Structures are given as C-alpha cells and as structure tokens.
C-alpha atoms as a PDB file:
ATOM      1  CA  MET A   1     271.137 187.038 -19.649  1.00  0.00           C
ATOM      2  CA  SER A   2     268.976 188.327 -23.184  1.00  0.00           C
ATOM      3  CA  GLN A   3     269.507 191.256 -25.280  1.00  0.00           C
ATOM      4  CA  ASP A   4     266.046 192.876 -24.002  1.00  0.00           C
ATOM      5  CA  ALA A   5     267.609 193.636 -21.103  1.00  0.00           C
ATOM      6  CA  LEU A   6     269.720 195.990 -23.682  1.00  0.00           C
ATOM      7  CA  PRO A   7     269.475 199.363 -24.671  1.00  0.00           C
ATOM      8  CA  VAL A   8     269.271 200.062 -28.387  1.00  0.00           C
ATOM      9  CA  GLU A   9     268.954 203.633 -29.396  1.00  0.00           C
ATOM     10  CA  LEU A  10     268.395 203.744 -33.530  1.00  0.00           C
ATOM     11  CA  ASP A  11     268.743 207.017 -35.158  1.00  0.00           C
ATOM     12  CA  ARG A  12     265.555 206.912 -38.047  1.00  0.00           C
ATOM     13  CA  THR A  13     266.664 210.347 -39.688  1.00  0.00           C
ATOM     14  CA  SER A  14     270.488 208.678 -40.177  1.00  0.00           C
ATOM     15  CA  PRO A  15     271.075 207.771 -44.092  1.00  0.00           C
ATOM     16  CA  VAL A  16     272.625 204.484 -42.229  1.00  0.00           C
ATOM     17  CA  PRO A  17     270.016 201.772 -42.813  1.00  0.00           C
ATOM     18  CA  LEU A  18     268.020 200.587 -39.880  1.00  0.00           C
ATOM     19  CA  TYR A  19     269.501 197.381 -39.921  1.00  0.00           C
ATOM     20  CA  TYR A  20     273.022 197.815 -39.870  1.00  0.00           C
ATOM     21  CA  GLN A  21     272.239 200.217 -36.535  1.00  0.00           C
ATOM     22  CA  LEU A  22     271.016 197.345 -35.048  1.00  0.00           C
ATOM     23  CA  ALA A  23     273.598 194.879 -36.088  1.00  0.00           C
ATOM     24  CA  GLN A  24     276.302 197.629 -35.211  1.00  0.00           C
ATOM     25  CA  ALA A  25     274.416 197.863 -31.481  1.00  0.00           C
ATOM     26  CA  LEU A  26     274.535 194.636 -31.000  1.00  0.00           C
ATOM     27  CA  GLU A  27     277.976 193.762 -31.995  1.00  0.00           C
ATOM     28  CA  ARG A  28     279.045 196.929 -29.392  1.00  0.00           C
ATOM     29  CA  SER A  29     277.288 194.436 -26.635  1.00  0.00           C
ATOM     30  CA  ILE A  30     279.177 191.360 -27.699  1.00  0.00           C
ATOM     31  CA  LEU A  31     282.535 193.266 -28.383  1.00  0.00           C
ATOM     32  CA  ASP A  32     282.100 194.881 -24.644  1.00  0.00           C
ATOM     33  CA  GLY A  33     281.052 191.724 -22.969  1.00  0.00           C
ATOM     34  CA  ARG A  34     277.544 193.093 -22.128  1.00  0.00           C
ATOM     35  CA  LEU A  35     276.447 189.764 -23.750  1.00  0.00           C
ATOM     36  CA  VAL A  36     278.758 186.797 -23.647  1.00  0.00           C
ATOM     37  CA  PRO A  37     279.195 183.359 -25.241  1.00  0.00           C
ATOM     38  CA  GLY A  38     276.085 181.175 -24.798  1.00  0.00           C
ATOM     39  CA  ASP A  39     273.813 183.921 -24.216  1.00  0.00           C
ATOM     40  CA  ARG A  40     270.452 184.368 -26.290  1.00  0.00           C
ATOM     41  CA  ILE A  41     269.011 187.044 -28.017  1.00  0.00           C
ATOM     42  CA  GLU A  42     265.668 188.145 -28.481  1.00  0.00           C
ATOM     43  CA  ASN A  43     264.049 186.459 -32.045  1.00  0.00           C
ATOM     44  CA  GLU A  44     263.678 188.359 -35.049  1.00  0.00           C
ATOM     45  CA  ILE A  45     259.989 189.036 -34.423  1.00  0.00           C
ATOM     46  CA  ASP A  46     260.292 190.292 -30.614  1.00  0.00           C
ATOM     47  CA  LEU A  47     263.211 192.388 -31.533  1.00  0.00           C
ATOM     48  CA  ALA A  48     260.925 193.905 -34.432  1.00  0.00           C
ATOM     49  CA  LYS A  49     258.358 194.399 -32.135  1.00  0.00           C
ATOM     50  CA  ARG A  50     260.221 196.273 -29.129  1.00  0.00           C
ATOM     51  CA  LEU A  51     262.289 198.234 -31.811  1.00  0.00           C
ATOM     52  CA  ASN A  52     259.072 199.275 -34.048  1.00  0.00           C
ATOM     53  CA  LEU A  53     260.991 197.766 -36.782  1.00  0.00           C
ATOM     54  CA  SER A  54     259.634 195.229 -39.565  1.00  0.00           C
ATOM     55  CA  ARG A  55     260.913 191.847 -38.830  1.00  0.00           C
ATOM     56  CA  PRO A  56     262.878 191.336 -42.445  1.00  0.00           C
ATOM     57  CA  THR A  57     264.914 194.244 -41.017  1.00  0.00           C
ATOM     58  CA  ALA A  58     265.457 192.842 -37.712  1.00  0.00           C
ATOM     59  CA  ARG A  59     266.260 189.225 -39.799  1.00  0.00           C
ATOM     60  CA  GLN A  60     268.958 191.344 -41.853  1.00  0.00           C
ATOM     61  CA  ALA A  61     270.441 192.675 -38.838  1.00  0.00           C
ATOM     62  CA  ILE A  62     270.984 188.876 -37.069  1.00  0.00           C
ATOM     63  CA  GLN A  63     271.725 187.932 -40.277  1.00  0.00           C
ATOM     64  CA  ALA A  64     274.763 190.111 -40.867  1.00  0.00           C
ATOM     65  CA  LEU A  65     276.091 189.072 -37.616  1.00  0.00           C
ATOM     66  CA  VAL A  66     275.485 185.283 -38.035  1.00  0.00           C
ATOM     67  CA  ASP A  67     277.828 186.013 -41.549  1.00  0.00           C
ATOM     68  CA  LYS A  68     280.442 187.229 -39.177  1.00  0.00           C
ATOM     69  CA  GLY A  69     280.255 184.600 -36.699  1.00  0.00           C
ATOM     70  CA  LEU A  70     279.209 186.521 -33.667  1.00  0.00           C
ATOM     71  CA  LEU A  71     275.592 184.646 -33.612  1.00  0.00           C
ATOM     72  CA  VAL A  72     274.545 181.349 -34.357  1.00  0.00           C
ATOM     73  CA  ARG A  73     271.317 180.212 -35.246  1.00  0.00           C
ATOM     74  CA  LYS A  74     270.579 176.888 -33.089  1.00  0.00           C
ATOM     75  CA  ARG A  75     267.028 174.809 -33.960  1.00  0.00           C
ATOM     76  CA  GLY A  76     265.208 174.656 -31.155  1.00  0.00           C
ATOM     77  CA  VAL A  77     267.589 176.663 -29.013  1.00  0.00           C
ATOM     78  CA  GLY A  78     267.536 180.139 -30.726  1.00  0.00           C
ATOM     79  CA  THR A  79     270.068 182.577 -32.016  1.00  0.00           C
ATOM     80  CA  GLN A  80     273.101 182.459 -29.404  1.00  0.00           C
ATOM     81  CA  VAL A  81     276.105 184.751 -29.182  1.00  0.00           C
ATOM     82  CA  VAL A  82     279.297 182.362 -29.640  1.00  0.00           C
ATOM     83  CA  ARG A  83     282.511 181.714 -28.689  1.00  0.00           C
ATOM     84  CA  ASN A  84     285.512 183.455 -29.817  1.00  0.00           C
ATOM     85  CA  GLU A  85     286.310 182.246 -32.903  1.00  0.00           C
ATOM     86  CA  VAL A  86     289.723 180.254 -33.170  1.00  0.00           C
ATOM     87  CA  HIS A  87     291.924 182.519 -36.436  1.00  0.00           C
ATOM     88  CA  ARG A  88     295.003 180.706 -37.529  1.00  0.00           C
ATOM     89  CA  ALA A  89     297.554 182.086 -40.562  1.00  0.00           C
ATOM     90  CA  VAL A  90     297.892 179.123 -42.589  1.00  0.00           C
ATOM     91  CA  GLU A  91     301.901 178.795 -41.591  1.00  0.00           C
ATOM     92  CA  LEU A  92     304.053 175.881 -40.277  1.00  0.00           C
ATOM     93  CA  THR A  93     302.894 175.806 -36.619  1.00  0.00           C
ATOM     94  CA  SER A  94     300.964 173.266 -34.602  1.00  0.00           C
ATOM     95  CA  LEU A  95     297.514 173.947 -33.359  1.00  0.00           C
ATOM     96  CA  TYR A  96     298.432 173.404 -29.887  1.00  0.00           C
ATOM     97  CA  GLU A  97     301.113 175.913 -29.915  1.00  0.00           C
ATOM     98  CA  ASP A  98     298.879 178.666 -32.118  1.00  0.00           C
ATOM     99  CA  LEU A  99     296.290 178.199 -29.129  1.00  0.00           C
ATOM    100  CA  VAL A 100     299.146 178.760 -26.431  1.00  0.00           C
ATOM    101  CA  ALA A 101     300.421 181.960 -28.752  1.00  0.00           C
ATOM    102  CA  ALA A 102     296.801 183.407 -28.816  1.00  0.00           C
ATOM    103  CA  GLY A 103     295.876 182.803 -25.127  1.00  0.00           C
ATOM    104  CA  GLN A 104     294.121 179.964 -25.183  1.00  0.00           C
ATOM    105  CA  ARG A 105     294.005 176.802 -22.990  1.00  0.00           C
ATOM    106  CA  PRO A 106     294.814 173.810 -25.314  1.00  0.00           C
ATOM    107  CA  SER A 107     293.780 170.471 -24.070  1.00  0.00           C
ATOM    108  CA  THR A 108     294.064 166.967 -25.521  1.00  0.00           C
ATOM    109  CA  LYS A 109     292.222 163.842 -25.203  1.00  0.00           C
ATOM    110  CA  LEU A 110     293.934 160.897 -26.937  1.00  0.00           C
ATOM    111  CA  LEU A 111     290.859 158.876 -28.733  1.00  0.00           C
ATOM    112  CA  ASP A 112     293.008 156.132 -30.347  1.00  0.00           C
ATOM    113  CA  TYR A 113     296.890 155.563 -30.781  1.00  0.00           C
ATOM    114  CA  ARG A 114     297.642 152.450 -32.690  1.00  0.00           C
ATOM    115  CA  LEU A 115     300.564 150.625 -33.963  1.00  0.00           C
ATOM    116  CA  GLY A 116     300.019 148.497 -37.456  1.00  0.00           C
ATOM    117  CA  ARG A 117     301.149 148.078 -40.832  1.00  0.00           C
ATOM    118  CA  ALA A 118     300.746 151.229 -43.337  1.00  0.00           C
ATOM    119  CA  ASP A 119     297.759 151.053 -45.828  1.00  0.00           C
ATOM    120  CA  GLU A 120     298.653 152.154 -49.498  1.00  0.00           C
ATOM    121  CA  GLU A 121     297.114 155.561 -49.071  1.00  0.00           C
ATOM    122  CA  VAL A 122     298.978 156.446 -46.195  1.00  0.00           C
ATOM    123  CA  ALA A 123     301.917 154.397 -47.363  1.00  0.00           C
ATOM    124  CA  ASP A 124     302.583 156.728 -50.301  1.00  0.00           C
ATOM    125  CA  GLU A 125     302.040 160.069 -48.436  1.00  0.00           C
ATOM    126  CA  LEU A 126     304.769 159.115 -46.736  1.00  0.00           C
ATOM    127  CA  GLY A 127     307.035 157.802 -49.236  1.00  0.00           C
ATOM    128  CA  ILE A 128     307.536 154.212 -47.352  1.00  0.00           C
ATOM    129  CA  GLU A 129     307.109 150.869 -48.173  1.00  0.00           C
ATOM    130  CA  HIS A 130     303.593 149.397 -47.833  1.00  0.00           C
ATOM    131  CA  ASP A 131     304.236 147.165 -45.069  1.00  0.00           C
ATOM    132  CA  ALA A 132     306.145 149.769 -43.120  1.00  0.00           C
ATOM    133  CA  GLN A 133     305.357 149.888 -39.215  1.00  0.00           C
ATOM    134  CA  VAL A 134     303.034 153.349 -38.589  1.00  0.00           C
ATOM    135  CA  VAL A 135     301.603 154.651 -35.456  1.00  0.00           C
ATOM    136  CA  SER A 136     298.098 155.977 -36.002  1.00  0.00           C
ATOM    137  CA  ILE A 137     297.063 158.511 -33.694  1.00  0.00           C
ATOM    138  CA  ARG A 138     293.363 160.513 -33.116  1.00  0.00           C
ATOM    139  CA  ARG A 139     293.023 163.226 -30.754  1.00  0.00           C
ATOM    140  CA  LEU A 140     290.343 165.419 -29.891  1.00  0.00           C
ATOM    141  CA  ARG A 141     291.716 169.118 -29.426  1.00  0.00           C
ATOM    142  CA  SER A 142     289.858 171.743 -27.143  1.00  0.00           C
ATOM    143  CA  ALA A 143     290.780 175.158 -26.112  1.00  0.00           C
ATOM    144  CA  ASP A 144     289.043 176.610 -22.537  1.00  0.00           C
ATOM    145  CA  ASP A 145     287.573 173.081 -22.639  1.00  0.00           C
ATOM    146  CA  VAL A 146     285.681 173.979 -25.819  1.00  0.00           C
ATOM    147  CA  PRO A 147     286.136 170.733 -28.249  1.00  0.00           C
ATOM    148  CA  LEU A 148     287.712 172.648 -31.442  1.00  0.00           C
ATOM    149  CA  ALA A 149     289.427 170.014 -33.157  1.00  0.00           C
ATOM    150  CA  ILE A 150     289.527 166.383 -34.054  1.00  0.00           C
ATOM    151  CA  LEU A 151     293.395 165.460 -34.750  1.00  0.00           C
ATOM    152  CA  THR A 152     294.290 161.908 -36.801  1.00  0.00           C
ATOM    153  CA  ASN A 153     297.931 161.558 -37.922  1.00  0.00           C
ATOM    154  CA  HIS A 154     299.916 158.991 -38.914  1.00  0.00           C
ATOM    155  CA  LEU A 155     303.929 158.805 -38.395  1.00  0.00           C
ATOM    156  CA  PRO A 156     306.881 156.082 -39.248  1.00  0.00           C
ATOM    157  CA  ALA A 157     306.483 153.913 -35.669  1.00  0.00           C
ATOM    158  CA  GLU A 158     310.226 154.762 -34.743  1.00  0.00           C
ATOM    159  CA  LEU A 159     309.187 158.420 -34.811  1.00  0.00           C
ATOM    160  CA  ALA A 160     306.166 158.150 -32.730  1.00  0.00           C
ATOM    161  CA  PRO A 161     305.976 159.783 -29.378  1.00  0.00           C
ATOM    162  CA  ALA A 162     304.651 157.939 -26.660  1.00  0.00           C
ATOM    163  CA  PRO A 163     300.713 158.309 -25.790  1.00  0.00           C
ATOM    164  CA  ASP A 164     301.370 160.213 -22.419  1.00  0.00           C
ATOM    165  CA  GLU A 165     303.378 162.902 -24.164  1.00  0.00           C
ATOM    166  CA  LEU A 166     300.556 163.458 -26.792  1.00  0.00           C
ATOM    167  CA  GLN A 167     297.988 164.609 -24.046  1.00  0.00           C
ATOM    168  CA  ALA A 168     300.831 166.859 -22.395  1.00  0.00           C
ATOM    169  CA  LYS A 169     302.194 168.341 -25.566  1.00  0.00           C
ATOM    170  CA  GLY A 170     301.408 169.509 -29.185  1.00  0.00           C
ATOM    171  CA  LEU A 171     303.125 166.530 -31.914  1.00  0.00           C
ATOM    172  CA  TYR A 172     305.476 169.147 -33.158  1.00  0.00           C
ATOM    173  CA  GLN A 173     306.444 170.000 -29.730  1.00  0.00           C
ATOM    174  CA  CYS A 174     307.095 166.088 -28.918  1.00  0.00           C
ATOM    175  CA  LEU A 175     308.621 165.901 -32.330  1.00  0.00           C
ATOM    176  CA  ARG A 176     311.346 168.432 -31.327  1.00  0.00           C
ATOM    177  CA  GLY A 177     312.224 167.108 -28.190  1.00  0.00           C
ATOM    178  CA  ARG A 178     313.344 163.850 -30.321  1.00  0.00           C
ATOM    179  CA  GLY A 179     315.696 166.247 -32.483  1.00  0.00           C
ATOM    180  CA  ILE A 180     313.111 166.488 -35.574  1.00  0.00           C
ATOM    181  CA  THR A 181     312.774 169.795 -37.157  1.00  0.00           C
ATOM    182  CA  ILE A 182     309.594 170.243 -39.412  1.00  0.00           C
ATOM    183  CA  ALA A 183     310.740 172.205 -42.405  1.00  0.00           C
ATOM    184  CA  GLN A 184     308.188 172.503 -44.956  1.00  0.00           C
ATOM    185  CA  ALA A 185     304.502 170.935 -45.351  1.00  0.00           C
ATOM    186  CA  GLU A 186     302.494 170.549 -48.593  1.00  0.00           C
ATOM    187  CA  GLN A 187     298.751 171.136 -46.887  1.00  0.00           C
ATOM    188  CA  ARG A 188     295.062 171.108 -48.738  1.00  0.00           C
ATOM    189  CA  ILE A 189     292.099 172.859 -46.857  1.00  0.00           C
ATOM    190  CA  GLY A 190     288.927 171.965 -47.745  1.00  0.00           C
ATOM    191  CA  ALA A 191     285.070 171.737 -46.370  1.00  0.00           C
ATOM    192  CA  ARG A 192     282.643 168.790 -45.759  1.00  0.00           C
ATOM    193  CA  ILE A 193     279.598 167.824 -44.108  1.00  0.00           C
ATOM    194  CA  SER A 194     280.581 165.951 -40.287  1.00  0.00           C
ATOM    195  CA  THR A 195     280.005 162.592 -39.692  1.00  0.00           C
ATOM    196  CA  GLY A 196     277.973 162.022 -36.560  1.00  0.00           C
ATOM    197  CA  ASP A 197     280.818 160.882 -34.481  1.00  0.00           C
ATOM    198  CA  GLU A 198     282.522 164.197 -35.730  1.00  0.00           C
ATOM    199  CA  ALA A 199     279.286 165.820 -34.846  1.00  0.00           C
ATOM    200  CA  GLU A 200     279.040 164.395 -31.257  1.00  0.00           C
ATOM    201  CA  LEU A 201     282.966 165.027 -30.257  1.00  0.00           C
ATOM    202  CA  LEU A 202     282.544 168.929 -31.554  1.00  0.00           C
ATOM    203  CA  ASP A 203     279.715 169.092 -29.638  1.00  0.00           C
ATOM    204  CA  GLU A 204     277.924 170.222 -32.993  1.00  0.00           C
ATOM    205  CA  GLY A 205     274.852 169.453 -34.797  1.00  0.00           C
ATOM    206  CA  PRO A 206     273.915 166.531 -36.864  1.00  0.00           C
ATOM    207  CA  GLY A 207     275.411 167.567 -40.500  1.00  0.00           C
ATOM    208  CA  ASP A 208     276.962 170.759 -39.332  1.00  0.00           C
ATOM    209  CA  ALA A 209     280.284 171.542 -41.681  1.00  0.00           C
ATOM    210  CA  VAL A 210     283.100 171.196 -40.740  1.00  0.00           C
ATOM    211  CA  LEU A 211     287.175 172.500 -42.245  1.00  0.00           C
ATOM    212  CA  THR A 212     289.344 170.058 -42.922  1.00  0.00           C
ATOM    213  CA  MET A 213     293.010 170.092 -44.084  1.00  0.00           C
ATOM    214  CA  GLN A 214     295.299 167.205 -44.943  1.00  0.00           C
ATOM    215  CA  ARG A 215     298.964 168.163 -44.291  1.00  0.00           C
ATOM    216  CA  VAL A 216     302.115 166.067 -45.242  1.00  0.00           C
ATOM    217  CA  ALA A 217     305.281 167.864 -43.316  1.00  0.00           C
ATOM    218  CA  PHE A 218     308.721 166.830 -43.720  1.00  0.00           C
ATOM    219  CA  ASN A 219     312.166 167.501 -42.436  1.00  0.00           C
ATOM    220  CA  GLU A 220     315.377 170.060 -43.608  1.00  0.00           C
ATOM    221  CA  VAL A 221     316.307 167.119 -46.528  1.00  0.00           C
ATOM    222  CA  GLY A 222     312.986 166.229 -47.448  1.00  0.00           C
ATOM    223  CA  THR A 223     311.945 163.271 -45.952  1.00  0.00           C
ATOM    224  CA  ALA A 224     308.109 162.862 -44.702  1.00  0.00           C
ATOM    225  CA  ILE A 225     307.743 162.889 -41.007  1.00  0.00           C
ATOM    226  CA  GLU A 226     303.911 162.727 -40.441  1.00  0.00           C
ATOM    227  CA  LEU A 227     300.590 162.492 -42.567  1.00  0.00           C
ATOM    228  CA  GLY A 228     297.667 164.715 -40.675  1.00  0.00           C
ATOM    229  CA  ARG A 229     293.845 164.618 -41.333  1.00  0.00           C
ATOM    230  CA  HIS A 230     292.539 167.217 -39.173  1.00  0.00           C
ATOM    231  CA  VAL A 231     288.448 168.198 -38.727  1.00  0.00           C
ATOM    232  CA  TYR A 232     288.065 171.065 -37.205  1.00  0.00           C
ATOM    233  CA  ARG A 233     284.212 173.375 -36.017  1.00  0.00           C
ATOM    234  CA  ALA A 234     283.635 175.515 -38.944  1.00  0.00           C
ATOM    235  CA  SER A 235     281.359 177.416 -36.044  1.00  0.00           C
ATOM    236  CA  ARG A 236     284.783 178.455 -34.477  1.00  0.00           C
ATOM    237  CA  TYR A 237     287.588 178.133 -37.162  1.00  0.00           C
ATOM    238  CA  PHE A 238     288.906 179.958 -39.729  1.00  0.00           C
ATOM    239  CA  PHE A 239     292.029 180.041 -41.788  1.00  0.00           C
ATOM    240  CA  ASP A 240     293.706 183.096 -42.326  1.00  0.00           C
ATOM    241  CA  VAL A 241     295.472 183.439 -45.876  1.00  0.00           C
ATOM    242  CA  SER A 242     297.917 186.110 -46.877  1.00  0.00           C
ATOM    243  CA  VAL A 243     298.046 186.716 -50.769  1.00  0.00           C
ATOM    244  CA  PHE A 244     300.174 188.718 -52.902  1.00  0.00           C
ATOM    245  CA  SER A 245     300.379 190.199 -56.489  1.00  0.00           C
ATOM    246  CA  ARG A 246     302.785 189.409 -58.636  1.00  0.00           C
END
C-alpha cells in the first residue's frame, strides 16, 4: 500500500504550516492503521508534486515523522512505516517480561552458551576470583518475530539456568525459579555504531546505530548475580526515564 491511495487535505488559509498539516495527516494514517509497518510512502518529489507543495515542505513533513520514529529512510528502499517501537522504562525488570506486559510475543534464539573461566573484567564486575567458573550466554531476543536485541550475560556457573530454560523463559524468571531474587542493579546506557555481526542479527543496515546497556544485578544481600551487556535496535527501541526535581 502506498500513500498516494490516501487522501490528504491541506488548508492553505490556515496559520498552521503546511509541512505540519501534511505530517499530521500522514501520522493519522499510521496511527489509525491505514498505513501499516512496512508500507512505503511517496518520496518527497512525488508527494510535493501531487499536493502542489514545495519539495522542502514535503521533506520537512517526512523528516518530522522520521524524528518521531514513525518513518524510516532506507537506502535503495525508500521511506517506510516502521513497526511499533518498544518503549522500556529504566526499571529493574527483564526485557522478556516487559514485552509480555506490553502485549508482544517474545521469542529467544540461543546463539552461544559457554562454560569457562572468568576473564579479569567479568570477574571484577561480578566480584569473583579471576579463575572462577562462569557461564557466558548470548541470545537473540525477538518481539513478534522481529529481531530486537542481542543479550550477552555472564553468571557464576552455579547460578546459570540450563540452555533449554533460556529459550523458553526470561533470565530473571529462570533465576526466580531457583530462589534467586534480583534486588538492585547498576546499569549504564549508551549508543554506538553496530558491528557487521550485530547488524545482520538485528536486520539493520551496516553502520546503523544501536543502543547499549550494561547492567550488574545484585541479590538482597548485595552479591552480584549477573553481568549483562545488551545491544538494542535503535530504530525500534527506547529507554524511558522519569526525572524529579530536588
């Protein structure tokens, strides 16, 4: 389906800028389902010609929706409606549980599950001996069959869930089944350019940006339980943070 099948009414007597009127019309078409994820819209030249607008006006309208995360520009493809983004509050929850709560269907592909000795950095983060046994896990998490995140976790070997558990449940759910409660965590959120492997797994373009999060989770008595290093699709994922004045 393309946007040229949709009526767009512009009021040239209104004080509301034309680019904004066009952006609002396109946004309504996305939110009410007339345009669905994957649909391509007209390029700015065709859109401007059809609606008798200047090209910069059409470009500004499209860019406004790109900035809001409703459209994405893909080289060689054009401008497409993107799938609903995942907005995640920065709270002590697992991605698996957040997706379920949001009405999405999470699935997991286990990419690697390895028992070995902790390297110096992992051991320091977990507060264990440098030669202690840890299990390192790498998973691809999808939402409604769309790749969303690459999750890498390191845990003391005696705490690690079995591989089959991790493909059916979230990590924190598996830990709770062992009587382990995550009480607090320290985490750092960032962004960088994806590696080739990450871009391929997440179905993104080479060099596209990804969001990153590193988290060390602790139990009730302050013992480190796991170190997580996660990579998220920046085109589909947001962290929501609440801030308060003093």
